[in-house]
Protein backbone atom coordinates (compact mmCIF):
# COMPACT_ATOMS: atom_id res chain seq x y z
CA MET A 1 8.84 -25.26 12.63
CA LEU A 2 8.80 -27.83 15.36
CA ASP A 3 8.85 -26.83 19.06
CA ASP A 4 12.35 -27.95 19.58
CA GLU A 5 13.75 -26.34 16.51
CA PRO A 6 15.50 -23.12 17.33
CA HIS A 7 14.30 -19.91 15.76
CA ILE A 8 17.06 -17.68 14.28
CA PRO A 9 15.90 -14.05 13.86
CA VAL A 10 16.77 -12.40 10.65
CA LEU A 11 18.34 -9.12 12.02
CA LEU A 12 19.71 -10.55 15.26
CA ASP A 13 23.24 -9.21 14.98
CA ARG A 14 22.00 -5.77 13.84
CA CYS A 15 19.59 -5.58 16.99
CA VAL A 16 22.60 -6.56 19.29
CA GLU A 17 24.66 -3.80 17.69
CA LEU A 18 21.98 -1.15 18.07
CA LEU A 19 21.02 -1.98 21.63
CA GLY A 20 24.25 -3.34 23.07
CA ALA A 21 25.81 0.02 23.87
CA ALA A 22 22.92 0.97 26.23
CA LEU A 23 23.06 -2.44 27.99
CA THR A 24 26.89 -2.40 28.31
CA ARG A 25 26.69 0.99 29.85
CA ALA A 26 24.13 -0.17 32.35
CA GLY A 27 26.32 -3.04 33.45
CA ASP A 28 25.01 -5.81 35.71
CA GLY A 29 21.27 -5.27 36.59
CA ALA A 30 20.48 -3.93 33.15
CA THR A 31 16.98 -4.59 31.91
CA LEU A 32 15.89 -5.30 28.42
CA VAL A 33 12.24 -5.56 27.34
CA ASP A 34 11.66 -7.76 24.34
CA ALA A 35 8.18 -6.36 23.47
CA THR A 36 7.61 -9.08 20.84
CA LEU A 37 9.17 -12.21 22.46
CA GLY A 38 8.10 -14.85 19.77
CA ALA A 39 10.12 -18.00 20.19
CA GLY A 40 12.77 -16.28 22.19
CA GLY A 41 15.62 -15.99 19.65
CA HIS A 42 16.58 -12.44 20.42
CA ALA A 43 16.11 -12.89 24.06
CA GLU A 44 18.53 -15.99 24.15
CA ARG A 45 21.22 -14.06 22.42
CA PHE A 46 21.04 -10.97 24.65
CA LEU A 47 20.87 -13.09 27.78
CA THR A 48 23.95 -15.02 26.65
CA LEU A 49 26.07 -12.02 25.70
CA PHE A 50 25.11 -9.91 28.81
CA PRO A 51 25.45 -12.19 31.86
CA GLY A 52 23.98 -9.66 34.27
CA LEU A 53 21.02 -8.90 32.05
CA HIS A 54 17.32 -9.26 33.19
CA LEU A 55 15.00 -9.84 30.51
CA ILE A 56 11.20 -9.12 30.26
CA GLY A 57 9.48 -10.75 27.51
CA LEU A 58 6.06 -9.78 26.30
CA ASP A 59 3.82 -11.62 23.87
CA ARG A 60 0.14 -12.10 23.39
CA ASP A 61 0.53 -15.63 21.85
CA PRO A 62 0.37 -18.33 24.49
CA ASP A 63 2.12 -20.79 22.25
CA ALA A 64 5.00 -18.38 21.74
CA LEU A 65 5.36 -17.96 25.49
CA ARG A 66 5.47 -21.64 25.97
CA ILE A 67 8.10 -22.25 23.35
CA ALA A 68 10.24 -19.33 24.54
CA GLY A 69 9.75 -20.29 28.24
CA ASP A 70 11.32 -23.68 27.49
CA ARG A 71 14.05 -22.19 25.46
CA LEU A 72 14.93 -19.54 28.04
CA ALA A 73 14.55 -21.97 31.14
CA PRO A 74 18.31 -22.34 31.64
CA PHE A 75 18.55 -18.49 32.51
CA GLY A 76 16.30 -19.02 35.46
CA ASP A 77 15.11 -15.97 37.40
CA ARG A 78 16.88 -13.63 34.94
CA VAL A 79 13.69 -14.01 32.68
CA THR A 80 10.19 -12.65 33.32
CA LEU A 81 7.56 -13.57 30.82
CA VAL A 82 4.21 -11.72 30.60
CA ARG A 83 1.33 -12.44 28.25
CA THR A 84 0.17 -9.17 26.93
CA ARG A 85 0.26 -6.91 23.83
CA TYR A 86 3.07 -4.50 23.59
CA ASP A 87 0.82 -1.48 23.89
CA ASP A 88 0.24 -2.52 27.51
CA LEU A 89 3.95 -2.26 28.15
CA ALA A 90 3.82 0.74 30.57
CA THR A 91 1.18 -0.86 32.83
CA ARG A 92 3.14 -4.00 33.02
CA LEU A 93 6.42 -2.37 33.76
CA THR A 94 4.80 -0.35 36.43
CA HIS A 95 3.43 -3.48 38.06
CA LEU A 96 6.84 -5.15 37.88
CA GLY A 97 8.57 -2.03 39.32
CA ARG A 98 11.67 -2.18 37.08
CA ASP A 99 13.57 0.64 35.15
CA VAL A 100 14.37 -0.21 31.67
CA ASP A 101 17.64 0.29 29.61
CA ALA A 102 16.59 -1.04 26.18
CA ILE A 103 13.39 -2.07 24.33
CA LEU A 104 13.16 -4.16 21.31
CA PHE A 105 10.33 -4.47 18.84
CA ASP A 106 10.45 -7.18 16.25
CA LEU A 107 7.37 -6.35 14.21
CA GLY A 108 5.34 -8.62 11.93
CA VAL A 109 4.47 -12.23 11.88
CA SER A 110 7.02 -14.91 13.05
CA SER A 111 7.97 -17.92 11.02
CA MET A 112 6.62 -19.96 13.99
CA GLN A 113 3.14 -18.63 13.41
CA LEU A 114 3.57 -19.11 9.59
CA ASP A 115 4.50 -22.73 10.03
CA ARG A 116 1.51 -23.50 12.27
CA ARG A 117 -1.02 -23.94 9.40
CA GLU A 118 -4.06 -24.07 11.76
CA ARG A 119 -3.50 -20.34 12.62
CA GLY A 120 -4.39 -19.35 9.11
CA PHE A 121 -1.51 -16.83 8.63
CA SER A 122 -0.15 -18.45 5.44
CA TYR A 123 -1.55 -18.47 2.04
CA SER A 124 0.47 -21.53 1.07
CA ALA A 125 -1.85 -24.12 2.95
CA ASP A 126 -5.52 -24.26 3.43
CA ALA A 127 -6.64 -23.43 6.94
CA PRO A 128 -9.27 -21.65 8.90
CA LEU A 129 -9.45 -17.84 8.23
CA ASP A 130 -8.21 -17.04 11.72
CA MET A 131 -4.90 -14.96 11.85
CA ARG A 132 -5.21 -14.06 15.45
CA MET A 133 -1.89 -13.77 17.53
CA ASP A 134 -4.05 -13.95 20.59
CA PRO A 135 -6.49 -16.78 20.27
CA ASP A 136 -8.72 -15.21 23.05
CA SER A 137 -9.55 -12.16 20.85
CA GLU A 138 -12.83 -12.11 18.93
CA LEU A 139 -11.91 -10.63 15.73
CA THR A 140 -10.74 -12.99 12.92
CA ALA A 141 -9.90 -12.63 9.22
CA ALA A 142 -13.22 -14.47 8.50
CA VAL A 143 -15.32 -11.92 10.44
CA ILE A 144 -13.58 -9.11 8.48
CA LEU A 145 -14.26 -10.76 5.18
CA ASN A 146 -17.82 -11.60 5.92
CA THR A 147 -18.90 -8.44 7.67
CA TYR A 148 -17.00 -5.29 6.58
CA GLY A 149 -18.41 -3.06 3.82
CA GLU A 150 -16.86 -2.76 0.44
CA LYS A 151 -15.43 0.65 1.08
CA GLU A 152 -13.84 -0.39 4.40
CA LEU A 153 -12.33 -3.57 2.77
CA THR A 154 -10.84 -1.34 0.14
CA ARG A 155 -9.37 1.04 2.61
CA LEU A 156 -8.04 -1.76 4.70
CA LEU A 157 -6.37 -3.63 1.74
CA ARG A 158 -4.90 -0.35 0.37
CA GLU A 159 -3.57 1.11 3.68
CA TYR A 160 -2.29 -2.03 5.33
CA GLY A 161 -1.43 -4.16 2.32
CA GLU A 162 -0.49 -1.47 -0.29
CA GLU A 163 -2.65 -3.52 -2.72
CA ARG A 164 -3.20 -1.65 -5.97
CA PHE A 165 -6.17 -3.77 -6.80
CA ALA A 166 -7.80 -3.27 -3.47
CA GLY A 167 -11.09 -2.03 -5.07
CA ARG A 168 -11.43 -5.08 -7.31
CA ILE A 169 -10.63 -7.48 -4.63
CA ALA A 170 -13.25 -5.92 -2.21
CA ALA A 171 -15.92 -5.95 -4.92
CA HIS A 172 -15.19 -9.80 -5.52
CA VAL A 173 -15.24 -10.46 -1.78
CA VAL A 174 -18.70 -8.81 -1.38
CA ARG A 175 -20.11 -10.54 -4.40
CA ARG A 176 -18.62 -13.97 -3.28
CA ARG A 177 -19.89 -13.74 0.28
CA ALA A 178 -23.43 -13.04 -0.80
CA ASP A 179 -23.39 -16.88 -1.86
CA ALA A 180 -21.53 -18.34 1.02
CA PRO A 181 -19.40 -16.86 3.76
CA PHE A 182 -15.59 -17.24 3.84
CA THR A 183 -14.35 -19.83 6.19
CA ARG A 184 -10.96 -21.07 4.67
CA THR A 185 -7.80 -19.46 3.38
CA ALA A 186 -7.94 -21.51 0.21
CA GLU A 187 -11.34 -19.92 -0.60
CA LEU A 188 -9.73 -16.42 -0.28
CA VAL A 189 -6.65 -17.40 -2.37
CA GLU A 190 -8.87 -18.57 -5.12
CA LEU A 191 -10.86 -15.45 -5.15
CA LEU A 192 -7.59 -13.43 -5.32
CA TYR A 193 -6.45 -15.23 -8.44
CA GLN A 194 -9.80 -14.32 -10.03
CA ALA A 195 -9.81 -10.63 -8.88
CA ILE A 196 -6.15 -9.76 -9.72
CA PRO A 197 -5.28 -9.52 -13.52
CA ALA A 198 -3.29 -12.21 -14.99
CA PRO A 199 -0.27 -9.86 -15.87
CA ALA A 200 -0.05 -8.59 -12.32
CA ARG A 201 -0.07 -12.03 -10.92
CA ARG A 202 3.14 -12.93 -12.86
CA THR A 203 5.14 -10.29 -11.04
CA GLY A 204 5.72 -9.16 -7.43
CA GLY A 205 5.44 -12.47 -5.75
CA HIS A 206 2.27 -14.41 -4.59
CA PRO A 207 -0.94 -12.49 -5.45
CA ALA A 208 -2.25 -13.18 -2.00
CA LYS A 209 0.72 -11.80 0.01
CA ARG A 210 -0.54 -8.16 0.40
CA THR A 211 -4.18 -9.17 1.11
CA PHE A 212 -2.96 -11.58 3.86
CA GLN A 213 -0.63 -8.99 5.23
CA ALA A 214 -3.57 -6.50 5.38
CA LEU A 215 -5.92 -8.84 7.16
CA ARG A 216 -3.20 -9.91 9.65
CA ILE A 217 -2.45 -6.36 10.59
CA ALA A 218 -6.15 -5.46 10.86
CA VAL A 219 -7.10 -8.54 12.97
CA ASN A 220 -4.31 -7.83 15.44
CA ALA A 221 -4.61 -4.05 15.38
CA GLU A 222 -0.87 -4.00 14.83
CA LEU A 223 -0.49 -0.33 13.91
CA GLU A 224 -2.91 0.91 16.48
CA SER A 225 -0.89 -0.99 19.18
CA LEU A 226 2.34 0.34 17.80
CA ARG A 227 1.18 4.00 17.92
CA ARG A 228 0.37 3.58 21.69
CA ALA A 229 3.41 1.36 22.43
CA ILE A 230 6.24 3.78 21.15
CA PRO A 231 5.44 6.61 23.36
CA ALA A 232 5.09 4.26 26.23
CA ALA A 233 8.39 2.71 25.46
CA LEU A 234 10.34 5.99 25.26
CA THR A 235 8.86 7.05 28.61
CA ALA A 236 9.70 3.75 30.22
CA LEU A 237 13.43 4.08 29.38
CA ARG A 238 15.85 5.21 32.26
CA GLN A 239 16.38 8.92 31.96
CA ALA A 240 20.07 8.50 31.43
CA SER A 241 19.69 5.94 28.77
CA SER A 242 17.02 7.98 27.02
CA LEU A 243 19.21 11.09 26.91
CA SER A 244 22.45 9.56 25.91
CA GLU A 245 20.86 7.25 23.34
CA ALA A 246 18.03 9.41 21.94
CA GLY A 247 19.73 12.67 21.36
CA ASP A 248 17.59 14.71 18.95
CA ASP A 249 14.35 13.46 17.36
CA GLU A 250 15.98 12.58 14.09
CA GLY A 251 18.94 10.61 15.52
CA GLY A 252 17.36 8.58 18.39
CA PRO A 253 17.59 4.81 18.71
CA LEU A 254 14.03 4.27 17.42
CA HIS A 255 14.52 6.36 14.29
CA LEU A 256 17.87 4.60 13.87
CA PHE A 257 16.33 1.21 14.05
CA CYS A 258 13.43 1.97 11.77
CA ASP A 259 15.69 3.53 9.20
CA THR A 260 18.22 0.70 9.28
CA VAL A 261 15.48 -1.93 8.77
CA ARG A 262 14.14 0.17 5.87
CA HIS A 263 17.47 0.59 4.46
CA GLU A 264 18.46 -3.12 4.74
CA ARG A 265 15.01 -4.18 3.31
CA ARG A 266 15.59 -2.09 0.23
CA HIS A 267 19.04 -3.49 -0.29
CA SER A 268 17.84 -7.01 0.31
CA GLU A 269 15.46 -6.55 -2.55
CA GLY A 270 18.21 -5.15 -4.74
CA LEU A 271 17.28 -1.60 -4.49
CA THR A 272 19.16 1.52 -3.55
CA ALA A 273 17.46 4.88 -2.80
CA ASP A 274 18.43 5.99 -6.29
CA GLY A 275 16.80 2.82 -7.66
CA VAL A 276 13.61 3.54 -5.72
CA LYS A 277 13.55 6.99 -7.13
CA GLU A 278 14.13 5.81 -10.64
CA ARG A 279 11.33 3.40 -10.43
CA ALA A 280 9.05 5.95 -8.94
CA ALA A 281 9.95 8.42 -11.80
CA ALA A 282 9.35 5.76 -14.31
CA SER A 283 5.87 4.83 -12.93
CA LEU A 284 4.78 8.52 -12.99
CA GLY A 285 6.07 8.88 -16.38
CA ARG A 286 4.02 5.91 -17.66
CA ILE A 287 0.87 7.39 -15.88
CA GLU A 288 1.54 10.72 -17.54
CA ALA A 289 2.16 9.18 -20.96
CA SER A 290 -1.10 6.86 -20.76
CA LEU A 291 -3.23 9.86 -19.81
CA GLY A 292 -1.53 11.93 -22.52
CA ARG A 293 -2.52 9.34 -25.12
CA HIS A 294 -6.20 9.46 -24.08
CA ILE A 295 -6.15 13.18 -24.14
CA ASN A 296 -4.53 13.29 -27.66
CA ARG A 297 -7.13 10.74 -28.91
CA GLY A 298 -9.92 12.96 -27.60
CA THR A 299 -8.32 16.18 -29.07
CA GLY A 300 -7.68 14.40 -32.41
CA ILE A 301 -11.43 13.43 -32.65
CA LEU A 302 -12.50 16.92 -31.96
CA ALA A 303 -9.85 18.41 -34.44
CA THR A 304 -11.04 16.00 -37.17
CA ILE A 305 -14.74 17.13 -36.63
CA GLY A 306 -13.75 20.77 -36.72
CA ALA A 307 -11.47 20.43 -39.88
CA THR A 308 -13.97 18.24 -41.95
CA ALA A 309 -17.22 20.02 -41.13
CA PRO A 310 -16.51 23.02 -43.46
CA PHE A 311 -15.61 20.75 -46.25
CA VAL A 312 -19.02 18.93 -45.76
CA GLY A 313 -20.67 22.25 -45.91
CA LEU A 314 -18.69 23.40 -48.96
CA PHE A 315 -19.61 20.05 -50.73
CA GLY A 316 -23.32 20.53 -49.93
CA THR A 317 -23.37 24.09 -51.13
CA VAL A 318 -21.61 23.08 -54.48
CA TRP A 319 -24.07 20.12 -54.80
CA GLY A 320 -27.03 22.44 -54.17
CA ILE A 321 -25.88 24.99 -56.77
CA MET A 322 -25.27 22.13 -59.30
CA ASN A 323 -28.85 21.03 -58.73
CA ALA A 324 -30.09 24.57 -59.27
CA PHE A 325 -28.27 24.92 -62.51
CA ILE A 326 -29.40 21.51 -63.67
CA GLY A 327 -33.02 22.50 -62.90
CA ILE A 328 -32.56 25.73 -64.89
CA SER A 329 -31.04 23.85 -67.82
CA LYS A 330 -33.84 21.23 -67.92
CA ALA A 331 -36.56 23.70 -67.68
CA GLN A 332 -34.75 26.19 -69.84
CA THR A 333 -36.13 29.06 -67.67
CA THR A 334 -35.18 31.25 -64.82
CA ASN A 335 -38.60 30.87 -63.05
CA LEU A 336 -38.01 31.12 -59.33
CA ALA A 337 -40.44 28.22 -58.68
CA VAL A 338 -38.20 25.97 -60.77
CA VAL A 339 -34.70 26.99 -59.32
CA ALA A 340 -35.79 27.57 -55.81
CA PRO A 341 -35.43 23.91 -54.60
CA GLY A 342 -31.80 23.79 -55.72
CA ILE A 343 -31.01 27.13 -54.14
CA ALA A 344 -32.69 25.96 -50.86
CA GLU A 345 -30.62 22.82 -50.85
CA ALA A 346 -27.32 24.96 -51.35
CA LEU A 347 -28.30 27.33 -48.48
CA LEU A 348 -29.22 24.40 -46.22
CA ALA A 349 -26.00 22.46 -46.80
CA THR A 350 -24.02 25.69 -46.10
CA ALA A 351 -25.96 26.21 -42.84
CA LEU A 352 -25.50 22.65 -41.77
CA GLY A 353 -21.68 22.85 -42.44
CA LEU A 354 -21.32 26.03 -40.36
CA PHE A 355 -23.49 24.55 -37.65
CA ALA A 356 -21.11 21.57 -37.52
CA ALA A 357 -17.90 23.54 -37.78
CA ILE A 358 -18.46 26.37 -35.35
CA PRO A 359 -19.30 24.31 -32.23
CA ALA A 360 -16.51 21.92 -33.02
CA VAL A 361 -13.95 24.56 -33.32
CA ILE A 362 -15.18 26.23 -30.08
CA ILE A 363 -15.11 22.87 -28.20
CA TYR A 364 -11.71 22.04 -29.56
CA ASN A 365 -10.19 25.40 -28.36
CA ALA A 366 -11.70 24.97 -24.90
CA PHE A 367 -10.50 21.38 -24.71
CA ALA A 368 -6.99 22.35 -25.93
CA ARG A 369 -6.79 25.01 -23.09
CA SER A 370 -7.92 22.67 -20.50
CA THR A 371 -5.50 19.97 -21.73
CA ALA A 372 -2.58 22.29 -21.41
CA ALA A 373 -3.70 23.24 -17.86
CA TYR A 374 -4.15 19.56 -16.92
CA ARG A 375 -0.70 18.63 -18.33
CA ALA A 376 0.90 21.29 -16.28
CA LEU A 377 -0.89 20.24 -13.15
CA LEU A 378 0.12 16.57 -13.66
CA ALA A 379 3.70 17.56 -14.18
CA ASP A 380 3.70 19.77 -11.02
CA ALA A 381 2.15 16.77 -9.04
CA SER A 382 4.67 14.34 -10.37
CA THR A 383 7.53 16.71 -9.45
CA GLU A 384 6.14 17.16 -5.83
CA VAL A 385 5.68 13.45 -5.35
CA LEU A 386 9.45 12.75 -6.44
CA ASN A 387 10.60 15.52 -4.22
CA LEU A 388 8.73 14.06 -1.18
CA LEU A 389 9.99 10.62 -1.95
CA SER A 390 13.58 11.90 -2.44
CA ARG A 391 13.50 13.63 0.89
CA ASP A 392 12.14 10.61 2.74
CA LEU A 393 14.66 8.19 1.14
CA ASP A 394 17.70 10.46 1.61
CA ARG A 395 16.71 10.80 5.26
CA GLY A 396 16.55 6.94 5.57
CA THR A 397 19.95 6.31 3.79
CA ALA A 398 21.80 9.14 5.69
């Protein structure tokens, strides 16, 4: 995106719908904090729709502040721009000495940052492994990839990127960096193609998207900042706005906004809450079926051993007795020294058969009991997961 190209936020109309009531009620002199100013798309719309509005725009990215400053220049002193992270919101508002009627967070990476290849946010073009929203901060994606331990990388990819191959990717990263450190995004993308199995690469979008998301969140401490920023934002709201808008904890503007975004995201991907539940149930069913196949395979092997061992013993017994009679027939005598070897073979074969059969039967019975208990435990766990998911989704679609 070029500097003079307007940035159009995806949920712009919905944001106006959610925050407009509080700003209208406050009238002239209302204050809106855009905690993630970006290129100023949200800010421009609010300033245009509410002529008496004063906007405070926060952003850690100096490029974003420069572009937004040019875009919002026509609104003059109705705009105050501050370079800071949104978890510093309370300190900045105290310094400015203004009450606040509405606060907007537009979380994630912006198209402006993705289009600036040298920032390293995009996996579609080769660039330095940077991903910093604030170029003055020290931590980069390259530092994480080249210094974090395998367990920490796995946790980061799993928690921040929801990457199911987190362990495989982390192991590949550690092996690769032993030869040469990571410096470019193309190196990471190449590794991800090697680490993620081919069938998984063919579904779910680009195989690098989850890893790049996880690294970006970690580099910029996005979740940690948000945990500090939300309480500060709720505290900063005017008391009247906070009471009339927030209501109870389950129906406040923050919950409403988060639930709306979650709901719209699911529908934009063609999924309803019931669809998500069906997918989860199907996934759990596949896991249970796969484990069941392995259990049945082990049980079948033990059952075969237990069932065939007595026949092996019986065959050995018959074979030993036959040898004994053959010995008697050839010698035409009942001399114990002559028939003893055949009798000994019969007794040994019988003992071996029993020795093989009894432990196999004992192990089989113990394994069968453990299998039944394990199946019940897995079924209970699956039911609990689906119940928790259903409650969360029903709350989000209410």
